[in-house]
Amino acid sequence: LTLGACATFGSPSISEVQSNPGRYVDRTVTVTGTVTTAWGIPLVPYKMYRVTDGTSEILVLSDQQRMPSRGARVRVRGEVEEFAVLG
């Protein structure tokens, strides 16, 4: 999920988003869960954290100044984007 603005698509589970990404890509969804890890890179305006809802885990890329701490319960609203990690 990356934060963005467009019409809200609903509140699917994280596993629903991951198992059917074509349905959610470029749409805004809201997921609720617990932060499992959080990190940022100095001088880079983006923060990253992983959220689990008990069904799966998703990476959140945020341009907000504040980053939730590990164990925090969060509701994330953002635009779903696909990307690949190589290596």
PDB file of N, CA and C in Angstrom:
ATOM      1  N   LEU A   1       0.847  -1.177   0.000  1.00  0.00           N
ATOM      2  CA  LEU A   1       0.000   0.000   0.000  1.00  0.00           C
ATOM      3  C   LEU A   1       0.886   1.231   0.000  1.00  0.00           C
ATOM      4  N   THR A   2       0.506   2.169  -0.809  1.00  0.00           N
ATOM      5  CA  THR A   2       1.145   3.472  -0.723  1.00  0.00           C
ATOM      6  C   THR A   2       0.043   4.494  -0.530  1.00  0.00           C
ATOM      7  N   LEU A   3       0.292   5.474   0.278  1.00  0.00           N
ATOM      8  CA  LEU A   3      -0.743   6.454   0.550  1.00  0.00           C
ATOM      9  C   LEU A   3      -1.031   7.282  -0.684  1.00  0.00           C
ATOM     10  N   GLY A   4      -2.289   7.538  -0.939  1.00  0.00           N
ATOM     11  CA  GLY A   4      -2.699   8.312  -2.097  1.00  0.00           C
ATOM     12  C   GLY A   4      -4.152   8.684  -1.968  1.00  0.00           C
ATOM     13  N   ALA A   5      -4.685   9.314  -2.968  1.00  0.00           N
ATOM     14  CA  ALA A   5      -6.081   9.732  -2.914  1.00  0.00           C
ATOM     15  C   ALA A   5      -6.823   9.293  -4.158  1.00  0.00           C
ATOM     16  N   CYS A   6      -7.941   8.642  -3.956  1.00  0.00           N
ATOM     17  CA  CYS A   6      -8.892   8.317  -5.011  1.00  0.00           C
ATOM     18  C   CYS A   6     -10.112   7.722  -4.320  1.00  0.00           C
ATOM     19  N   ALA A   7     -11.061   7.239  -5.070  1.00  0.00           N
ATOM     20  CA  ALA A   7     -12.286   6.710  -4.471  1.00  0.00           C
ATOM     21  C   ALA A   7     -11.969   5.524  -3.566  1.00  0.00           C
ATOM     22  N   THR A   8     -12.585   5.471  -2.424  1.00  0.00           N
ATOM     23  CA  THR A   8     -12.357   4.384  -1.482  1.00  0.00           C
ATOM     24  C   THR A   8     -13.010   3.108  -1.981  1.00  0.00           C
ATOM     25  N   PHE A   9     -12.288   2.006  -1.903  1.00  0.00           N
ATOM     26  CA  PHE A   9     -12.758   0.738  -2.419  1.00  0.00           C
ATOM     27  C   PHE A   9     -13.301  -0.166  -1.330  1.00  0.00           C
ATOM     28  N   GLY A  10     -13.006   0.095  -0.070  1.00  0.00           N
ATOM     29  CA  GLY A  10     -13.527  -0.740   1.003  1.00  0.00           C
ATOM     30  C   GLY A  10     -12.455  -1.185   1.962  1.00  0.00           C
ATOM     31  N   SER A  11     -12.813  -2.162   2.794  1.00  0.00           N
ATOM     32  CA  SER A  11     -11.901  -2.649   3.823  1.00  0.00           C
ATOM     33  C   SER A  11     -11.679  -4.150   3.695  1.00  0.00           C
ATOM     34  N   PRO A  12     -10.926  -4.577   2.697  1.00  0.00           N
ATOM     35  CA  PRO A  12     -10.628  -6.000   2.555  1.00  0.00           C
ATOM     36  C   PRO A  12      -9.569  -6.423   3.569  1.00  0.00           C
ATOM     37  N   SER A  13      -9.422  -7.718   3.765  1.00  0.00           N
ATOM     38  CA  SER A  13      -8.319  -8.203   4.593  1.00  0.00           C
ATOM     39  C   SER A  13      -7.038  -8.085   3.768  1.00  0.00           C
ATOM     40  N   ILE A  14      -5.909  -8.110   4.449  1.00  0.00           N
ATOM     41  CA  ILE A  14      -4.629  -8.024   3.740  1.00  0.00           C
ATOM     42  C   ILE A  14      -4.455  -9.226   2.830  1.00  0.00           C
ATOM     43  N   SER A  15      -4.875 -10.405   3.262  1.00  0.00           N
ATOM     44  CA  SER A  15      -4.738 -11.581   2.402  1.00  0.00           C
ATOM     45  C   SER A  15      -5.602 -11.466   1.146  1.00  0.00           C
ATOM     46  N   GLU A  16      -6.759 -10.808   1.240  1.00  0.00           N
ATOM     47  CA  GLU A  16      -7.592 -10.582   0.053  1.00  0.00           C
ATOM     48  C   GLU A  16      -6.860  -9.700  -0.954  1.00  0.00           C
ATOM     49  N   VAL A  17      -6.219  -8.650  -0.468  1.00  0.00           N
ATOM     50  CA  VAL A  17      -5.477  -7.754  -1.353  1.00  0.00           C
ATOM     51  C   VAL A  17      -4.333  -8.499  -2.021  1.00  0.00           C
ATOM     52  N   GLN A  18      -3.620  -9.316  -1.266  1.00  0.00           N
ATOM     53  CA  GLN A  18      -2.470 -10.036  -1.817  1.00  0.00           C
ATOM     54  C   GLN A  18      -2.871 -11.186  -2.736  1.00  0.00           C
ATOM     55  N   SER A  19      -3.990 -11.831  -2.468  1.00  0.00           N
ATOM     56  CA  SER A  19      -4.391 -12.963  -3.304  1.00  0.00           C
ATOM     57  C   SER A  19      -5.082 -12.527  -4.586  1.00  0.00           C
ATOM     58  N   ASN A  20      -5.592 -11.304  -4.627  1.00  0.00           N
ATOM     59  CA  ASN A  20      -6.269 -10.798  -5.819  1.00  0.00           C
ATOM     60  C   ASN A  20      -5.833  -9.351  -6.081  1.00  0.00           C
ATOM     61  N   PRO A  21      -4.526  -9.130  -6.320  1.00  0.00           N
ATOM     62  CA  PRO A  21      -4.032  -7.759  -6.436  1.00  0.00           C
ATOM     63  C   PRO A  21      -4.628  -6.991  -7.611  1.00  0.00           C
ATOM     64  N   GLY A  22      -4.955  -7.655  -8.700  1.00  0.00           N
ATOM     65  CA  GLY A  22      -5.519  -6.968  -9.854  1.00  0.00           C
ATOM     66  C   GLY A  22      -6.814  -6.243  -9.539  1.00  0.00           C
ATOM     67  N   ARG A  23      -7.539  -6.736  -8.569  1.00  0.00           N
ATOM     68  CA  ARG A  23      -8.808  -6.117  -8.172  1.00  0.00           C
ATOM     69  C   ARG A  23      -8.579  -4.813  -7.402  1.00  0.00           C
ATOM     70  N   TYR A  24      -7.437  -4.703  -6.729  1.00  0.00           N
ATOM     71  CA  TYR A  24      -7.194  -3.569  -5.837  1.00  0.00           C
ATOM     72  C   TYR A  24      -6.144  -2.574  -6.326  1.00  0.00           C
ATOM     73  N   VAL A  25      -5.323  -2.938  -7.304  1.00  0.00           N
ATOM     74  CA  VAL A  25      -4.266  -2.045  -7.780  1.00  0.00           C
ATOM     75  C   VAL A  25      -4.867  -0.732  -8.271  1.00  0.00           C
ATOM     76  N   ASP A  26      -4.219   0.359  -7.890  1.00  0.00           N
ATOM     77  CA  ASP A  26      -4.629   1.721  -8.243  1.00  0.00           C
ATOM     78  C   ASP A  26      -5.965   2.122  -7.621  1.00  0.00           C
ATOM     79  N   ARG A  27      -6.381   1.424  -6.590  1.00  0.00           N
ATOM     80  CA  ARG A  27      -7.587   1.784  -5.836  1.00  0.00           C
ATOM     81  C   ARG A  27      -7.184   2.019  -4.391  1.00  0.00           C
ATOM     82  N   THR A  28      -7.953   2.837  -3.714  1.00  0.00           N
ATOM     83  CA  THR A  28      -7.677   3.113  -2.313  1.00  0.00           C
ATOM     84  C   THR A  28      -8.449   2.130  -1.440  1.00  0.00           C
ATOM     85  N   VAL A  29      -7.728   1.500  -0.518  1.00  0.00           N
ATOM     86  CA  VAL A  29      -8.336   0.567   0.431  1.00  0.00           C
ATOM     87  C   VAL A  29      -7.931   0.975   1.844  1.00  0.00           C
ATOM     88  N   THR A  30      -8.639   0.445   2.810  1.00  0.00           N
ATOM     89  CA  THR A  30      -8.309   0.655   4.215  1.00  0.00           C
ATOM     90  C   THR A  30      -8.102  -0.708   4.855  1.00  0.00           C
ATOM     91  N   VAL A  31      -6.977  -0.873   5.529  1.00  0.00           N
ATOM     92  CA  VAL A  31      -6.716  -2.098   6.285  1.00  0.00           C
ATOM     93  C   VAL A  31      -6.384  -1.711   7.721  1.00  0.00           C
ATOM     94  N   THR A  32      -6.702  -2.591   8.636  1.00  0.00           N
ATOM     95  CA  THR A  32      -6.430  -2.383  10.051  1.00  0.00           C
ATOM     96  C   THR A  32      -5.568  -3.526  10.543  1.00  0.00           C
ATOM     97  N   GLY A  33      -4.566  -3.210  11.331  1.00  0.00           N
ATOM     98  CA  GLY A  33      -3.710  -4.263  11.848  1.00  0.00           C
ATOM     99  C   GLY A  33      -2.687  -3.739  12.829  1.00  0.00           C
ATOM    100  N   THR A  34      -1.672  -4.548  13.073  1.00  0.00           N
ATOM    101  CA  THR A  34      -0.620  -4.249  14.032  1.00  0.00           C
ATOM    102  C   THR A  34       0.704  -4.107  13.299  1.00  0.00           C
ATOM    103  N   VAL A  35       1.466  -3.089  13.644  1.00  0.00           N
ATOM    104  CA  VAL A  35       2.778  -2.854  13.035  1.00  0.00           C
ATOM    105  C   VAL A  35       3.753  -3.905  13.559  1.00  0.00           C
ATOM    106  N   THR A  36       4.409  -4.619  12.622  1.00  0.00           N
ATOM    107  CA  THR A  36       5.377  -5.649  13.018  1.00  0.00           C
ATOM    108  C   THR A  36       6.807  -5.136  12.945  1.00  0.00           C
ATOM    109  N   THR A  37       7.101  -4.274  11.986  1.00  0.00           N
ATOM    110  CA  THR A  37       8.412  -3.641  11.862  1.00  0.00           C
ATOM    111  C   THR A  37       8.213  -2.254  11.269  1.00  0.00           C
ATOM    112  N   ALA A  38       9.142  -1.360  11.567  1.00  0.00           N
ATOM    113  CA  ALA A  38       9.072   0.001  11.029  1.00  0.00           C
ATOM    114  C   ALA A  38      10.489   0.528  10.856  1.00  0.00           C
ATOM    115  N   TRP A  39      10.721   1.224   9.747  1.00  0.00           N
ATOM    116  CA  TRP A  39      12.036   1.790   9.503  1.00  0.00           C
ATOM    117  C   TRP A  39      11.949   2.962   8.534  1.00  0.00           C
ATOM    118  N   GLY A  40      12.965   3.757   8.558  1.00  0.00           N
ATOM    119  CA  GLY A  40      13.094   4.897   7.663  1.00  0.00           C
ATOM    120  C   GLY A  40      14.554   5.081   7.325  1.00  0.00           C
ATOM    121  N   ILE A  41      14.822   5.847   6.291  1.00  0.00           N
ATOM    122  CA  ILE A  41      16.184   6.130   5.874  1.00  0.00           C
ATOM    123  C   ILE A  41      16.429   7.617   6.119  1.00  0.00           C
ATOM    124  N   PRO A  42      17.495   7.962   6.833  1.00  0.00           N
ATOM    125  CA  PRO A  42      17.761   9.382   7.104  1.00  0.00           C
ATOM    126  C   PRO A  42      17.805  10.199   5.809  1.00  0.00           C
ATOM    127  N   LEU A  43      17.231  11.383   5.859  1.00  0.00           N
ATOM    128  CA  LEU A  43      17.182  12.337   4.756  1.00  0.00           C
ATOM    129  C   LEU A  43      16.294  11.917   3.594  1.00  0.00           C
ATOM    130  N   VAL A  44      15.606  10.809   3.730  1.00  0.00           N
ATOM    131  CA  VAL A  44      14.645  10.371   2.715  1.00  0.00           C
ATOM    132  C   VAL A  44      13.260  10.584   3.306  1.00  0.00           C
ATOM    133  N   PRO A  45      12.355  11.236   2.573  1.00  0.00           N
ATOM    134  CA  PRO A  45      11.064  11.623   3.165  1.00  0.00           C
ATOM    135  C   PRO A  45      10.067  10.479   3.365  1.00  0.00           C
ATOM    136  N   TYR A  46      10.415   9.273   2.993  1.00  0.00           N
ATOM    137  CA  TYR A  46       9.470   8.166   3.113  1.00  0.00           C
ATOM    138  C   TYR A  46       9.803   7.273   4.293  1.00  0.00           C
ATOM    139  N   LYS A  47       8.759   6.753   4.922  1.00  0.00           N
ATOM    140  CA  LYS A  47       8.890   5.792   6.011  1.00  0.00           C
ATOM    141  C   LYS A  47       8.247   4.490   5.544  1.00  0.00           C
ATOM    142  N   MET A  48       8.732   3.374   6.023  1.00  0.00           N
ATOM    143  CA  MET A  48       8.166   2.080   5.665  1.00  0.00           C
ATOM    144  C   MET A  48       7.869   1.292   6.922  1.00  0.00           C
ATOM    145  N   TYR A  49       6.773   0.566   6.869  1.00  0.00           N
ATOM    146  CA  TYR A  49       6.460  -0.331   7.967  1.00  0.00           C
ATOM    147  C   TYR A  49       5.577  -1.463   7.468  1.00  0.00           C
ATOM    148  N   ARG A  50       5.618  -2.570   8.183  1.00  0.00           N
ATOM    149  CA  ARG A  50       4.815  -3.743   7.838  1.00  0.00           C
ATOM    150  C   ARG A  50       3.658  -3.837   8.814  1.00  0.00           C
ATOM    151  N   VAL A  51       2.490  -4.192   8.267  1.00  0.00           N
ATOM    152  CA  VAL A  51       1.279  -4.308   9.073  1.00  0.00           C
ATOM    153  C   VAL A  51       0.701  -5.703   8.864  1.00  0.00           C
ATOM    154  N   THR A  52       0.302  -6.350   9.945  1.00  0.00           N
ATOM    155  CA  THR A  52      -0.379  -7.642   9.859  1.00  0.00           C
ATOM    156  C   THR A  52      -1.778  -7.511  10.450  1.00  0.00           C
ATOM    157  N   ASP A  53      -2.723  -8.218   9.825  1.00  0.00           N
ATOM    158  CA  ASP A  53      -4.089  -8.247  10.356  1.00  0.00           C
ATOM    159  C   ASP A  53      -4.464  -9.653  10.811  1.00  0.00           C
ATOM    160  N   GLY A  54      -3.463 -10.527  10.897  1.00  0.00           N
ATOM    161  CA  GLY A  54      -3.717 -11.914  11.296  1.00  0.00           C
ATOM    162  C   GLY A  54      -3.920 -12.835  10.114  1.00  0.00           C
ATOM    163  N   THR A  55      -4.222 -12.270   8.935  1.00  0.00           N
ATOM    164  CA  THR A  55      -4.390 -13.103   7.736  1.00  0.00           C
ATOM    165  C   THR A  55      -3.140 -13.078   6.885  1.00  0.00           C
ATOM    166  N   SER A  56      -2.401 -11.980   6.924  1.00  0.00           N
ATOM    167  CA  SER A  56      -1.176 -11.806   6.149  1.00  0.00           C
ATOM    168  C   SER A  56      -0.511 -10.508   6.586  1.00  0.00           C
ATOM    169  N   GLU A  57       0.558 -10.141   5.893  1.00  0.00           N
ATOM    170  CA  GLU A  57       1.312  -8.942   6.228  1.00  0.00           C
ATOM    171  C   GLU A  57       1.545  -8.143   4.944  1.00  0.00           C
ATOM    172  N   ILE A  58       1.526  -6.807   5.058  1.00  0.00           N
ATOM    173  CA  ILE A  58       1.694  -5.948   3.894  1.00  0.00           C
ATOM    174  C   ILE A  58       2.654  -4.823   4.232  1.00  0.00           C
ATOM    175  N   LEU A  59       3.401  -4.379   3.233  1.00  0.00           N
ATOM    176  CA  LEU A  59       4.335  -3.273   3.400  1.00  0.00           C
ATOM    177  C   LEU A  59       3.621  -1.956   3.116  1.00  0.00           C
ATOM    178  N   VAL A  60       3.818  -0.985   3.985  1.00  0.00           N
ATOM    179  CA  VAL A  60       3.232   0.339   3.826  1.00  0.00           C
ATOM    180  C   VAL A  60       4.366   1.334   3.589  1.00  0.00           C
ATOM    181  N   LEU A  61       4.250   2.123   2.548  1.00  0.00           N
ATOM    182  CA  LEU A  61       5.188   3.196   2.254  1.00  0.00           C
ATOM    183  C   LEU A  61       4.441   4.494   2.506  1.00  0.00           C
ATOM    184  N   SER A  62       4.957   5.313   3.413  1.00  0.00           N
ATOM    185  CA  SER A  62       4.246   6.516   3.837  1.00  0.00           C
ATOM    186  C   SER A  62       5.116   7.750   3.674  1.00  0.00           C
ATOM    187  N   ASP A  63       4.480   8.861   3.309  1.00  0.00           N
ATOM    188  CA  ASP A  63       5.203  10.125   3.230  1.00  0.00           C
ATOM    189  C   ASP A  63       4.909  11.007   4.442  1.00  0.00           C
ATOM    190  N   GLN A  64       4.322  10.424   5.467  1.00  0.00           N
ATOM    191  CA  GLN A  64       4.028  11.154   6.700  1.00  0.00           C
ATOM    192  C   GLN A  64       5.295  11.311   7.535  1.00  0.00           C
ATOM    193  N   GLN A  65       5.372  12.381   8.312  1.00  0.00           N
ATOM    194  CA  GLN A  65       6.535  12.628   9.160  1.00  0.00           C
ATOM    195  C   GLN A  65       6.640  11.609  10.293  1.00  0.00           C
ATOM    196  N   ARG A  66       5.484  11.258  10.869  1.00  0.00           N
ATOM    197  CA  ARG A  66       5.486  10.334  12.002  1.00  0.00           C
ATOM    198  C   ARG A  66       5.353   8.901  11.515  1.00  0.00           C
ATOM    199  N   MET A  67       6.028   8.002  12.200  1.00  0.00           N
ATOM    200  CA  MET A  67       5.971   6.592  11.868  1.00  0.00           C
ATOM    201  C   MET A  67       5.503   5.836  13.099  1.00  0.00           C
ATOM    202  N   PRO A  68       4.549   4.915  12.943  1.00  0.00           N
ATOM    203  CA  PRO A  68       4.096   4.155  14.107  1.00  0.00           C
ATOM    204  C   PRO A  68       5.185   3.214  14.607  1.00  0.00           C
ATOM    205  N   SER A  69       5.165   2.951  15.888  1.00  0.00           N
ATOM    206  CA  SER A  69       6.157   2.054  16.473  1.00  0.00           C
ATOM    207  C   SER A  69       5.691   0.603  16.372  1.00  0.00           C
ATOM    208  N   ARG A  70       6.634  -0.293  16.533  1.00  0.00           N
ATOM    209  CA  ARG A  70       6.341  -1.725  16.508  1.00  0.00           C
ATOM    210  C   ARG A  70       5.305  -2.050  17.580  1.00  0.00           C
ATOM    211  N   GLY A  71       4.275  -2.812  17.206  1.00  0.00           N
ATOM    212  CA  GLY A  71       3.229  -3.185  18.140  1.00  0.00           C
ATOM    213  C   GLY A  71       2.033  -2.252  18.142  1.00  0.00           C
ATOM    214  N   ALA A  72       2.153  -1.106  17.469  1.00  0.00           N
ATOM    215  CA  ALA A  72       1.045  -0.147  17.421  1.00  0.00           C
ATOM    216  C   ALA A  72      -0.095  -0.694  16.568  1.00  0.00           C
ATOM    217  N   ARG A  73      -1.307  -0.450  17.007  1.00  0.00           N
ATOM    218  CA  ARG A  73      -2.499  -0.825  16.237  1.00  0.00           C
ATOM    219  C   ARG A  73      -2.812   0.346  15.313  1.00  0.00           C
ATOM    220  N   VAL A  74      -2.918   0.091  13.995  1.00  0.00           N
ATOM    221  CA  VAL A  74      -3.098   1.173  13.028  1.00  0.00           C
ATOM    222  C   VAL A  74      -4.224   0.849  12.039  1.00  0.00           C
ATOM    223  N   ARG A  75      -4.774   1.903  11.488  1.00  0.00           N
ATOM    224  CA  ARG A  75      -5.691   1.806  10.347  1.00  0.00           C
ATOM    225  C   ARG A  75      -5.015   2.583   9.229  1.00  0.00           C
ATOM    226  N   VAL A  76      -4.735   1.890   8.130  1.00  0.00           N
ATOM    227  CA  VAL A  76      -4.011   2.491   7.015  1.00  0.00           C
ATOM    228  C   VAL A  76      -4.950   2.614   5.821  1.00  0.00           C
ATOM    229  N   ARG A  77      -5.016   3.806   5.275  1.00  0.00           N
ATOM    230  CA  ARG A  77      -5.806   4.049   4.074  1.00  0.00           C
ATOM    231  C   ARG A  77      -4.838   4.480   2.998  1.00  0.00           C
ATOM    232  N   GLY A  78      -4.817   3.781   1.887  1.00  0.00           N
ATOM    233  CA  GLY A  78      -3.872   4.132   0.842  1.00  0.00           C
ATOM    234  C   GLY A  78      -4.179   3.445  -0.459  1.00  0.00           C
ATOM    235  N   GLU A  79      -3.414   3.824  -1.457  1.00  0.00           N
ATOM    236  CA  GLU A  79      -3.563   3.267  -2.792  1.00  0.00           C
ATOM    237  C   GLU A  79      -2.683   2.037  -2.927  1.00  0.00           C
ATOM    238  N   VAL A  80      -3.224   0.980  -3.451  1.00  0.00           N
ATOM    239  CA  VAL A  80      -2.502  -0.280  -3.618  1.00  0.00           C
ATOM    240  C   VAL A  80      -1.648  -0.204  -4.880  1.00  0.00           C
ATOM    241  N   GLU A  81      -0.375  -0.534  -4.732  1.00  0.00           N
ATOM    242  CA  GLU A  81       0.566  -0.586  -5.848  1.00  0.00           C
ATOM    243  C   GLU A  81       1.324  -1.897  -5.760  1.00  0.00           C
ATOM    244  N   GLU A  82       1.645  -2.474  -6.892  1.00  0.00           N
ATOM    245  CA  GLU A  82       2.476  -3.680  -6.929  1.00  0.00           C
ATOM    246  C   GLU A  82       3.913  -3.278  -7.207  1.00  0.00           C
ATOM    247  N   PHE A  83       4.844  -4.013  -6.585  1.00  0.00           N
ATOM    248  CA  PHE A  83       6.251  -3.841  -6.904  1.00  0.00           C
ATOM    249  C   PHE A  83       6.969  -5.141  -6.601  1.00  0.00           C
ATOM    250  N   ALA A  84       8.144  -5.277  -7.146  1.00  0.00           N
ATOM    251  CA  ALA A  84       8.924  -6.499  -6.953  1.00  0.00           C
ATOM    252  C   ALA A  84      10.242  -6.149  -6.281  1.00  0.00           C
ATOM    253  N   VAL A  85      10.715  -7.068  -5.463  1.00  0.00           N
ATOM    254  CA  VAL A  85      12.014  -6.939  -4.838  1.00  0.00           C
ATOM    255  C   VAL A  85      12.903  -8.016  -5.430  1.00  0.00           C
ATOM    256  N   LEU A  86      13.997  -7.608  -6.003  1.00  0.00           N
ATOM    257  CA  LEU A  86      14.930  -8.549  -6.635  1.00  0.00           C
ATOM    258  C   LEU A  86      16.136  -8.738  -5.747  1.00  0.00           C
ATOM    259  N   GLY A  87      16.635  -9.985  -5.717  1.00  0.00           N
ATOM    260  CA  GLY A  87      17.846 -10.236  -4.964  1.00  0.00           C
ATOM    261  C   GLY A  87      17.614 -10.884  -3.642  1.00  0.00           C
TER     262      GLY A  87
END
